[in-house]
C-alpha atoms as a PDB file:
ATOM      1  CA  MET A   1      48.749  98.276  55.684  1.00  0.00           C
ATOM      2  CA  ILE A   2      47.160 102.196  55.155  1.00  0.00           C
ATOM      3  CA  VAL A   3      44.460 101.778  55.125  1.00  0.00           C
ATOM      4  CA  GLU A   4      44.335  99.625  58.954  1.00  0.00           C
ATOM      5  CA  ILE A   5      46.556 102.961  60.279  1.00  0.00           C
ATOM      6  CA  ILE A   6      43.362 105.141  58.224  1.00  0.00           C
ATOM      7  CA  LEU A   7      41.396 103.237  60.603  1.00  0.00           C
ATOM      8  CA  LYS A   8      43.219 103.254  63.939  1.00  0.00           C
ATOM      9  CA  LYS A   9      43.509 106.850  63.378  1.00  0.00           C
ATOM     10  CA  LEU A  10      39.824 106.989  62.745  1.00  0.00           C
ATOM     11  CA  ASP A  11      38.760 105.051  66.031  1.00  0.00           C
ATOM     12  CA  GLU A  12      41.084 106.901  68.075  1.00  0.00           C
ATOM     13  CA  LEU A  13      39.468 110.349  67.038  1.00  0.00           C
ATOM     14  CA  GLY A  14      36.211 108.816  67.912  1.00  0.00           C
ATOM     15  CA  ARG A  15      37.176 107.750  71.129  1.00  0.00           C
ATOM     16  CA  TYR A  16      38.668 111.177  71.832  1.00  0.00           C
ATOM     17  CA  PHE A  17      35.498 113.150  70.734  1.00  0.00           C
ATOM     18  CA  SER A  18      33.373 110.658  73.097  1.00  0.00           C
ATOM     19  CA  PHE A  19      36.052 111.518  75.825  1.00  0.00           C
ATOM     20  CA  CYS A  20      35.535 115.228  75.464  1.00  0.00           C
ATOM     21  CA  LEU A  21      32.194 114.959  75.550  1.00  0.00           C
ATOM     22  CA  ASP A  22      32.112 113.262  78.918  1.00  0.00           C
ATOM     23  CA  VAL A  23      33.583 115.623  80.718  1.00  0.00           C
ATOM     24  CA  PHE A  24      31.314 118.388  79.539  1.00  0.00           C
ATOM     25  CA  LYS A  25      28.955 116.224  80.723  1.00  0.00           C
ATOM     26  CA  CYS A  26      30.489 116.615  84.019  1.00  0.00           C
ATOM     27  CA  ILE A  27      30.200 120.523  83.844  1.00  0.00           C
ATOM     28  CA  PHE A  28      27.142 120.413  85.536  1.00  0.00           C
ATOM     29  CA  LYS A  29      27.764 117.900  88.027  1.00  0.00           C
ATOM     30  CA  ARG A  30      27.550 117.758  91.454  1.00  0.00           C
ATOM     31  CA  PRO A  31      29.685 118.635  93.458  1.00  0.00           C
ATOM     32  CA  PHE A  32      31.388 121.319  92.375  1.00  0.00           C
ATOM     33  CA  GLN A  33      35.683 121.151  92.115  1.00  0.00           C
ATOM     34  CA  ILE A  34      35.746 124.637  93.227  1.00  0.00           C
ATOM     35  CA  SER A  35      38.982 123.970  95.100  1.00  0.00           C
ATOM     36  CA  GLU A  36      40.265 121.943  92.441  1.00  0.00           C
ATOM     37  CA  CYS A  37      39.850 124.619  89.765  1.00  0.00           C
ATOM     38  CA  MET A  38      41.445 127.003  91.892  1.00  0.00           C
ATOM     39  CA  ASN A  39      44.573 124.716  92.112  1.00  0.00           C
ATOM     40  CA  GLU A  40      44.855 124.378  88.583  1.00  0.00           C
ATOM     41  CA  LEU A  41      44.410 127.984  88.197  1.00  0.00           C
ATOM     42  CA  GLU A  42      47.366 128.606  90.119  1.00  0.00           C
ATOM     43  CA  GLN A  43      49.790 125.726  88.379  1.00  0.00           C
ATOM     44  CA  LEU A  44      48.252 126.660  84.859  1.00  0.00           C
ATOM     45  CA  GLY A  45      48.116 130.490  85.132  1.00  0.00           C
ATOM     46  CA  VAL A  46      50.089 131.938  87.681  1.00  0.00           C
ATOM     47  CA  MET A  47      52.790 129.597  87.594  1.00  0.00           C
ATOM     48  CA  SER A  48      52.705 130.297  83.681  1.00  0.00           C
ATOM     49  CA  VAL A  49      53.207 133.981  84.047  1.00  0.00           C
ATOM     50  CA  PRO A  50      57.125 134.592  83.986  1.00  0.00           C
ATOM     51  CA  ILE A  51      57.289 132.295  80.553  1.00  0.00           C
ATOM     52  CA  ILE A  52      55.120 134.263  78.572  1.00  0.00           C
ATOM     53  CA  LEU A  53      56.499 137.520  79.899  1.00  0.00           C
ATOM     54  CA  LEU A  54      59.395 136.329  78.597  1.00  0.00           C
ATOM     55  CA  SER A  55      58.174 134.325  75.621  1.00  0.00           C
ATOM     56  CA  GLY A  56      55.734 137.854  74.512  1.00  0.00           C
ATOM     57  CA  GLY A  57      58.477 140.007  75.229  1.00  0.00           C
ATOM     58  CA  ALA A  58      61.151 138.388  73.126  1.00  0.00           C
ATOM     59  CA  ILE A  59      58.485 137.817  69.930  1.00  0.00           C
ATOM     60  CA  GLY A  60      57.677 141.358  70.283  1.00  0.00           C
ATOM     61  CA  MET A  61      61.438 142.626  70.121  1.00  0.00           C
ATOM     62  CA  ILE A  62      62.517 140.283  67.072  1.00  0.00           C
ATOM     63  CA  PHE A  63      58.996 141.123  65.287  1.00  0.00           C
ATOM     64  CA  SER A  64      59.580 144.450  65.480  1.00  0.00           C
ATOM     65  CA  LEU A  65      63.592 144.579  64.782  1.00  0.00           C
ATOM     66  CA  GLN A  66      62.735 142.471  61.399  1.00  0.00           C
ATOM     67  CA  MET A  67      60.018 145.370  60.633  1.00  0.00           C
ATOM     68  CA  VAL A  68      62.418 148.224  61.551  1.00  0.00           C
ATOM     69  CA  THR A  69      65.045 146.755  59.359  1.00  0.00           C
ATOM     70  CA  MET A  70      62.128 146.313  56.740  1.00  0.00           C
ATOM     71  CA  LEU A  71      60.238 149.025  56.837  1.00  0.00           C
ATOM     72  CA  GLN A  72      63.155 152.197  56.896  1.00  0.00           C
ATOM     73  CA  LEU A  73      64.009 151.091  53.355  1.00  0.00           C
ATOM     74  CA  PHE A  74      60.388 152.973  52.660  1.00  0.00           C
ATOM     75  CA  GLN A  75      61.076 155.386  55.090  1.00  0.00           C
ATOM     76  CA  ALA A  76      57.628 153.554  56.557  1.00  0.00           C
ATOM     77  CA  GLU A  77      58.569 152.441  60.045  1.00  0.00           C
ATOM     78  CA  ILE A  78      56.603 154.639  61.868  1.00  0.00           C
ATOM     79  CA  GLY A  79      54.008 151.579  61.035  1.00  0.00           C
ATOM     80  CA  VAL A  80      56.338 148.931  62.824  1.00  0.00           C
ATOM     81  CA  GLY A  81      53.744 149.578  66.099  1.00  0.00           C
ATOM     82  CA  ALA A  82      50.370 148.657  63.922  1.00  0.00           C
ATOM     83  CA  MET A  83      52.182 145.687  61.984  1.00  0.00           C
ATOM     84  CA  VAL A  84      53.263 144.120  65.533  1.00  0.00           C
ATOM     85  CA  ALA A  85      50.223 144.719  67.248  1.00  0.00           C
ATOM     86  CA  VAL A  86      47.841 143.103  64.810  1.00  0.00           C
ATOM     87  CA  ALA A  87      49.868 140.243  64.202  1.00  0.00           C
ATOM     88  CA  LEU A  88      50.272 139.851  67.765  1.00  0.00           C
ATOM     89  CA  SER A  89      46.554 140.056  68.399  1.00  0.00           C
ATOM     90  CA  ARG A  90      45.830 137.735  66.016  1.00  0.00           C
ATOM     91  CA  GLU A  91      48.197 135.323  65.236  1.00  0.00           C
ATOM     92  CA  LEU A  92      51.465 135.430  67.199  1.00  0.00           C
ATOM     93  CA  ALA A  93      50.495 135.800  70.645  1.00  0.00           C
ATOM     94  CA  PRO A  94      47.621 133.078  70.836  1.00  0.00           C
ATOM     95  CA  VAL A  95      49.657 130.684  69.007  1.00  0.00           C
ATOM     96  CA  ILE A  96      52.955 131.166  70.828  1.00  0.00           C
ATOM     97  CA  THR A  97      51.268 131.331  74.504  1.00  0.00           C
ATOM     98  CA  THR A  98      49.938 128.101  73.278  1.00  0.00           C
ATOM     99  CA  LEU A  99      53.184 126.131  72.599  1.00  0.00           C
ATOM    100  CA  MET A 100      54.521 127.653  75.028  1.00  0.00           C
ATOM    101  CA  LEU A 101      51.929 126.190  77.618  1.00  0.00           C
ATOM    102  CA  ILE A 102      51.809 122.714  76.188  1.00  0.00           C
ATOM    103  CA  ALA A 103      55.671 122.691  76.876  1.00  0.00           C
ATOM    104  CA  LYS A 104      55.179 123.536  80.247  1.00  0.00           C
ATOM    105  CA  ASN A 105      51.873 122.039  81.444  1.00  0.00           C
ATOM    106  CA  GLY A 106      50.199 119.696  78.156  1.00  0.00           C
ATOM    107  CA  SER A 107      53.256 117.517  78.954  1.00  0.00           C
ATOM    108  CA  ALA A 108      52.439 117.449  82.713  1.00  0.00           C
ATOM    109  CA  MET A 109      48.889 116.796  82.758  1.00  0.00           C
ATOM    110  CA  ALA A 110      49.430 113.728  80.184  1.00  0.00           C
ATOM    111  CA  ALA A 111      52.616 112.822  82.476  1.00  0.00           C
ATOM    112  CA  GLU A 112      50.389 113.173  85.775  1.00  0.00           C
ATOM    113  CA  LEU A 113      47.242 110.858  84.527  1.00  0.00           C
ATOM    114  CA  GLY A 114      49.554 108.561  82.350  1.00  0.00           C
ATOM    115  CA  THR A 115      51.149 107.578  85.932  1.00  0.00           C
ATOM    116  CA  MET A 116      48.082 107.799  88.129  1.00  0.00           C
ATOM    117  CA  LYS A 117      46.444 105.263  85.313  1.00  0.00           C
ATOM    118  CA  VAL A 118      50.058 102.554  85.330  1.00  0.00           C
ATOM    119  CA  THR A 119      50.107 103.111  88.711  1.00  0.00           C
ATOM    120  CA  GLU A 120      46.364 102.248  89.141  1.00  0.00           C
ATOM    121  CA  GLN A 121      44.774 105.414  91.223  1.00  0.00           C
ATOM    122  CA  LEU A 122      42.237 105.586  88.842  1.00  0.00           C
ATOM    123  CA  ASP A 123      40.876 102.444  89.217  1.00  0.00           C
ATOM    124  CA  ALA A 124      41.173 103.454  93.354  1.00  0.00           C
ATOM    125  CA  LEU A 125      38.899 106.272  92.752  1.00  0.00           C
ATOM    126  CA  GLU A 126      36.504 104.485  90.434  1.00  0.00           C
ATOM    127  CA  ALA A 127      35.933 101.688  93.189  1.00  0.00           C
ATOM    128  CA  MET A 128      35.496 104.040  95.599  1.00  0.00           C
ATOM    129  CA  SER A 129      33.006 105.972  93.060  1.00  0.00           C
ATOM    130  CA  VAL A 130      34.241 108.885  92.175  1.00  0.00           C
ATOM    131  CA  ASP A 131      34.740 109.979  88.707  1.00  0.00           C
ATOM    132  CA  PRO A 132      38.361 110.871  87.483  1.00  0.00           C
ATOM    133  CA  ASN A 133      36.426 112.559  84.850  1.00  0.00           C
ATOM    134  CA  HIS A 134      34.693 115.260  87.037  1.00  0.00           C
ATOM    135  CA  HIS A 135      37.318 115.209  89.571  1.00  0.00           C
ATOM    136  CA  LEU A 136      40.887 115.083  87.914  1.00  0.00           C
ATOM    137  CA  ILE A 137      40.072 116.529  84.103  1.00  0.00           C
ATOM    138  CA  LEU A 138      37.023 118.679  84.576  1.00  0.00           C
ATOM    139  CA  PRO A 139      38.857 121.190  86.337  1.00  0.00           C
ATOM    140  CA  LYS A 140      42.265 121.255  84.282  1.00  0.00           C
ATOM    141  CA  VAL A 141      39.750 121.993  80.920  1.00  0.00           C
ATOM    142  CA  LEU A 142      37.901 124.943  82.758  1.00  0.00           C
ATOM    143  CA  ALA A 143      40.993 126.477  84.004  1.00  0.00           C
ATOM    144  CA  SER A 144      42.617 125.932  80.466  1.00  0.00           C
ATOM    145  CA  LEU A 145      39.618 127.695  79.196  1.00  0.00           C
ATOM    146  CA  ALA A 146      39.840 130.820  81.768  1.00  0.00           C
ATOM    147  CA  VAL A 147      44.177 131.358  81.699  1.00  0.00           C
ATOM    148  CA  TYR A 148      45.062 131.110  78.170  1.00  0.00           C
ATOM    149  CA  PRO A 149      43.077 133.745  77.126  1.00  0.00           C
ATOM    150  CA  VAL A 150      44.174 135.976  80.018  1.00  0.00           C
ATOM    151  CA  LEU A 151      47.938 134.887  79.154  1.00  0.00           C
ATOM    152  CA  THR A 152      47.280 135.731  75.725  1.00  0.00           C
ATOM    153  CA  LEU A 153      45.940 139.620  76.426  1.00  0.00           C
ATOM    154  CA  ILE A 154      49.587 139.845  78.594  1.00  0.00           C
ATOM    155  CA  ALA A 155      51.499 138.218  75.798  1.00  0.00           C
ATOM    156  CA  ASN A 156      49.871 140.882  73.514  1.00  0.00           C
ATOM    157  CA  VAL A 157      50.918 143.670  75.847  1.00  0.00           C
ATOM    158  CA  ILE A 158      54.181 142.673  77.078  1.00  0.00           C
ATOM    159  CA  GLY A 159      54.959 141.611  72.882  1.00  0.00           C
ATOM    160  CA  SER A 160      53.961 145.271  71.777  1.00  0.00           C
ATOM    161  CA  LEU A 161      55.857 147.047  74.732  1.00  0.00           C
ATOM    162  CA  GLY A 162      58.687 145.314  73.604  1.00  0.00           C
ATOM    163  CA  ALA A 163      58.228 146.146  69.636  1.00  0.00           C
ATOM    164  CA  PHE A 164      57.977 150.212  71.538  1.00  0.00           C
ATOM    165  CA  ILE A 165      61.676 149.795  72.982  1.00  0.00           C
ATOM    166  CA  ILE A 166      63.377 148.326  70.201  1.00  0.00           C
ATOM    167  CA  ALA A 167      61.299 150.713  67.665  1.00  0.00           C
ATOM    168  CA  VAL A 168      61.946 153.880  69.572  1.00  0.00           C
ATOM    169  CA  PHE A 169      65.223 153.471  71.786  1.00  0.00           C
ATOM    170  CA  MET A 170      67.140 151.683  68.900  1.00  0.00           C
ATOM    171  CA  PHE A 171      66.181 153.322  65.868  1.00  0.00           C
ATOM    172  CA  ASN A 172      64.695 156.497  66.795  1.00  0.00           C
ATOM    173  CA  VAL A 173      61.289 155.788  65.511  1.00  0.00           C
ATOM    174  CA  ASP A 174      59.102 159.179  66.912  1.00  0.00           C
ATOM    175  CA  SER A 175      57.101 157.855  69.663  1.00  0.00           C
ATOM    176  CA  ALA A 176      54.061 159.600  69.655  1.00  0.00           C
ATOM    177  CA  GLY A 177      53.728 158.851  65.979  1.00  0.00           C
ATOM    178  CA  TYR A 178      54.002 155.772  66.280  1.00  0.00           C
ATOM    179  CA  THR A 179      51.685 154.874  69.436  1.00  0.00           C
ATOM    180  CA  ASP A 180      49.233 156.687  67.481  1.00  0.00           C
ATOM    181  CA  TYR A 181      49.394 154.885  64.652  1.00  0.00           C
ATOM    182  CA  MET A 182      49.223 152.007  66.595  1.00  0.00           C
ATOM    183  CA  PHE A 183      46.095 152.353  68.325  1.00  0.00           C
ATOM    184  CA  ASP A 184      44.199 153.926  64.832  1.00  0.00           C
ATOM    185  CA  PHE A 185      45.295 150.879  63.168  1.00  0.00           C
ATOM    186  CA  LEU A 186      44.378 148.270  65.761  1.00  0.00           C
ATOM    187  CA  HIS A 187      40.575 147.143  66.193  1.00  0.00           C
ATOM    188  CA  PRO A 188      39.552 145.678  69.245  1.00  0.00           C
ATOM    189  CA  ARG A 189      38.098 142.583  66.788  1.00  0.00           C
ATOM    190  CA  ASP A 190      41.242 141.585  66.549  1.00  0.00           C
ATOM    191  CA  ILE A 191      41.916 141.431  69.940  1.00  0.00           C
ATOM    192  CA  VAL A 192      38.596 139.942  70.450  1.00  0.00           C
ATOM    193  CA  CYS A 193      39.561 137.237  67.891  1.00  0.00           C
ATOM    194  CA  GLY A 194      43.093 136.202  69.191  1.00  0.00           C
ATOM    195  CA  LEU A 195      40.950 135.774  72.619  1.00  0.00           C
ATOM    196  CA  ILE A 196      38.844 133.148  70.909  1.00  0.00           C
ATOM    197  CA  LYS A 197      41.584 131.202  69.580  1.00  0.00           C
ATOM    198  CA  SER A 198      43.035 130.994  72.938  1.00  0.00           C
ATOM    199  CA  ALA A 199      40.024 129.858  74.711  1.00  0.00           C
ATOM    200  CA  VAL A 200      39.444 127.230  71.848  1.00  0.00           C
ATOM    201  CA  MET A 201      43.083 126.302  71.814  1.00  0.00           C
ATOM    202  CA  GLY A 202      43.032 126.074  75.648  1.00  0.00           C
ATOM    203  CA  VAL A 203      40.338 123.380  75.497  1.00  0.00           C
ATOM    204  CA  MET A 204      42.099 121.541  72.888  1.00  0.00           C
ATOM    205  CA  VAL A 205      45.264 121.287  74.812  1.00  0.00           C
ATOM    206  CA  ALA A 206      43.833 120.255  77.744  1.00  0.00           C
ATOM    207  CA  THR A 207      41.434 117.964  76.591  1.00  0.00           C
ATOM    208  CA  ILE A 208      43.726 116.240  74.000  1.00  0.00           C
ATOM    209  CA  CYS A 209      47.033 116.058  76.719  1.00  0.00           C
ATOM    210  CA  CYS A 210      44.669 114.423  79.044  1.00  0.00           C
ATOM    211  CA  PHE A 211      43.305 112.088  76.748  1.00  0.00           C
ATOM    212  CA  HIS A 212      46.586 110.709  75.816  1.00  0.00           C
ATOM    213  CA  GLY A 213      47.466 110.975  79.511  1.00  0.00           C
ATOM    214  CA  LEU A 214      44.376 108.087  79.933  1.00  0.00           C
ATOM    215  CA  GLN A 215      45.338 105.771  77.396  1.00  0.00           C
ATOM    216  CA  THR A 216      48.890 105.326  79.005  1.00  0.00           C
ATOM    217  CA  THR A 217      50.086 101.180  79.028  1.00  0.00           C
ATOM    218  CA  HIS A 218      53.424  99.878  79.480  1.00  0.00           C
ATOM    219  CA  GLY A 219      54.782 101.492  82.776  1.00  0.00           C
ATOM    220  CA  ALA A 220      57.294 103.951  83.268  1.00  0.00           C
ATOM    221  CA  LYS A 221      57.953 103.592  79.487  1.00  0.00           C
ATOM    222  CA  GLY A 222      54.721 104.299  78.326  1.00  0.00           C
ATOM    223  CA  VAL A 223      54.145 107.585  80.792  1.00  0.00           C
ATOM    224  CA  GLY A 224      56.962 109.368  78.238  1.00  0.00           C
ATOM    225  CA  ASP A 225      55.301 108.170  75.044  1.00  0.00           C
ATOM    226  CA  SER A 226      52.087 109.549  76.433  1.00  0.00           C
ATOM    227  CA  ALA A 227      53.555 112.711  77.130  1.00  0.00           C
ATOM    228  CA  THR A 228      55.309 112.872  74.189  1.00  0.00           C
ATOM    229  CA  LYS A 229      52.494 111.986  71.427  1.00  0.00           C
ATOM    230  CA  ALA A 230      50.213 114.661  73.556  1.00  0.00           C
ATOM    231  CA  VAL A 231      52.372 117.290  72.895  1.00  0.00           C
ATOM    232  CA  VAL A 232      53.032 116.272  69.520  1.00  0.00           C
ATOM    233  CA  VAL A 233      49.384 116.013  69.111  1.00  0.00           C
ATOM    234  CA  SER A 234      48.315 119.266  70.502  1.00  0.00           C
ATOM    235  CA  SER A 235      50.785 120.754  68.948  1.00  0.00           C
ATOM    236  CA  VAL A 236      49.926 120.455  65.628  1.00  0.00           C
ATOM    237  CA  SER A 237      46.035 120.762  65.910  1.00  0.00           C
ATOM    238  CA  ILE A 238      46.315 124.122  67.569  1.00  0.00           C
ATOM    239  CA  LEU A 239      48.058 124.374  64.056  1.00  0.00           C
ATOM    240  CA  VAL A 240      45.549 123.306  61.957  1.00  0.00           C
ATOM    241  CA  ALA A 241      42.750 125.018  63.974  1.00  0.00           C
ATOM    242  CA  ASP A 242      44.491 128.002  64.099  1.00  0.00           C
ATOM    243  CA  TYR A 243      44.080 128.195  60.393  1.00  0.00           C
ATOM    244  CA  ILE A 244      40.385 127.178  60.347  1.00  0.00           C
ATOM    245  CA  LEU A 245      39.342 129.854  62.991  1.00  0.00           C
ATOM    246  CA  THR A 246      41.277 132.456  60.776  1.00  0.00           C
ATOM    247  CA  SER A 247      39.296 131.377  58.158  1.00  0.00           C
ATOM    248  CA  ILE A 248      36.051 131.473  59.827  1.00  0.00           C
ATOM    249  CA  MET A 249      36.837 134.980  61.786  1.00  0.00           C
ATOM    250  CA  LEU A 250      38.650 136.716  58.304  1.00  0.00           C
ATOM    251  CA  ASN A 251      34.935 137.914  57.310  1.00  0.00           C
ATOM    252  CA  TRP A 252      33.865 139.217  60.442  1.00  0.00           C
ATOM    253  CA  ILE A 253      37.027 140.815  60.819  1.00  0.00           C
ATOM    254  CA  TYR A 254      36.700 143.198  57.868  1.00  0.00           C
ATOM    255  CA  GLN A 255      33.137 143.942  57.982  1.00  0.00           C
END
């Protein structure tokens, strides 16, 4: 029984990588889907800004509140800004941004493609010699690759601003010392590290959610099951990827 489950998961993993290869082969295939990419950029990026502002600000404020309370015991609360900025840049902003976008966009991708699958719209596209990977999926992947780092950068800025408000206006931390210490301690490599992570995670989320959407069967119930599975698998996958990428980048950060 266990062997069968493992073999089934390995088979699914193999089909996923084969699917990714087919999608990436379409990058240089004509015609280029410029209008579809722009629509996806608006849907995945512009429409997601409010939720990123809310989540990024909340994380920064909560983290600052916790750190100030702890560091006050050592009279070191001036270092809150540096701690929050580094934590946001390296880990919190990429992961929280990706998780929020999985909930908002990843499930929608899986549900959209799943609905098209069960209603035979994908079969109709193939009958008209239109490749679904090129027409539907590639624009989502490219848009995710572009917007995830931008949204992560926005989360960095708004999270740091929220931390500043909590530390300076609620706990009377010196604003000049706070910002000076933060900019002295924060290295551009920390920010680049987070942006690389977010780009990788964006591609992972788009491909995983689209893959599970295309595997939909059994009508309306199958659409819901595919969307749920896509969210769960992509959420777990980005956490694993985050650990692997952090392990790889640590030596580069501390060179």
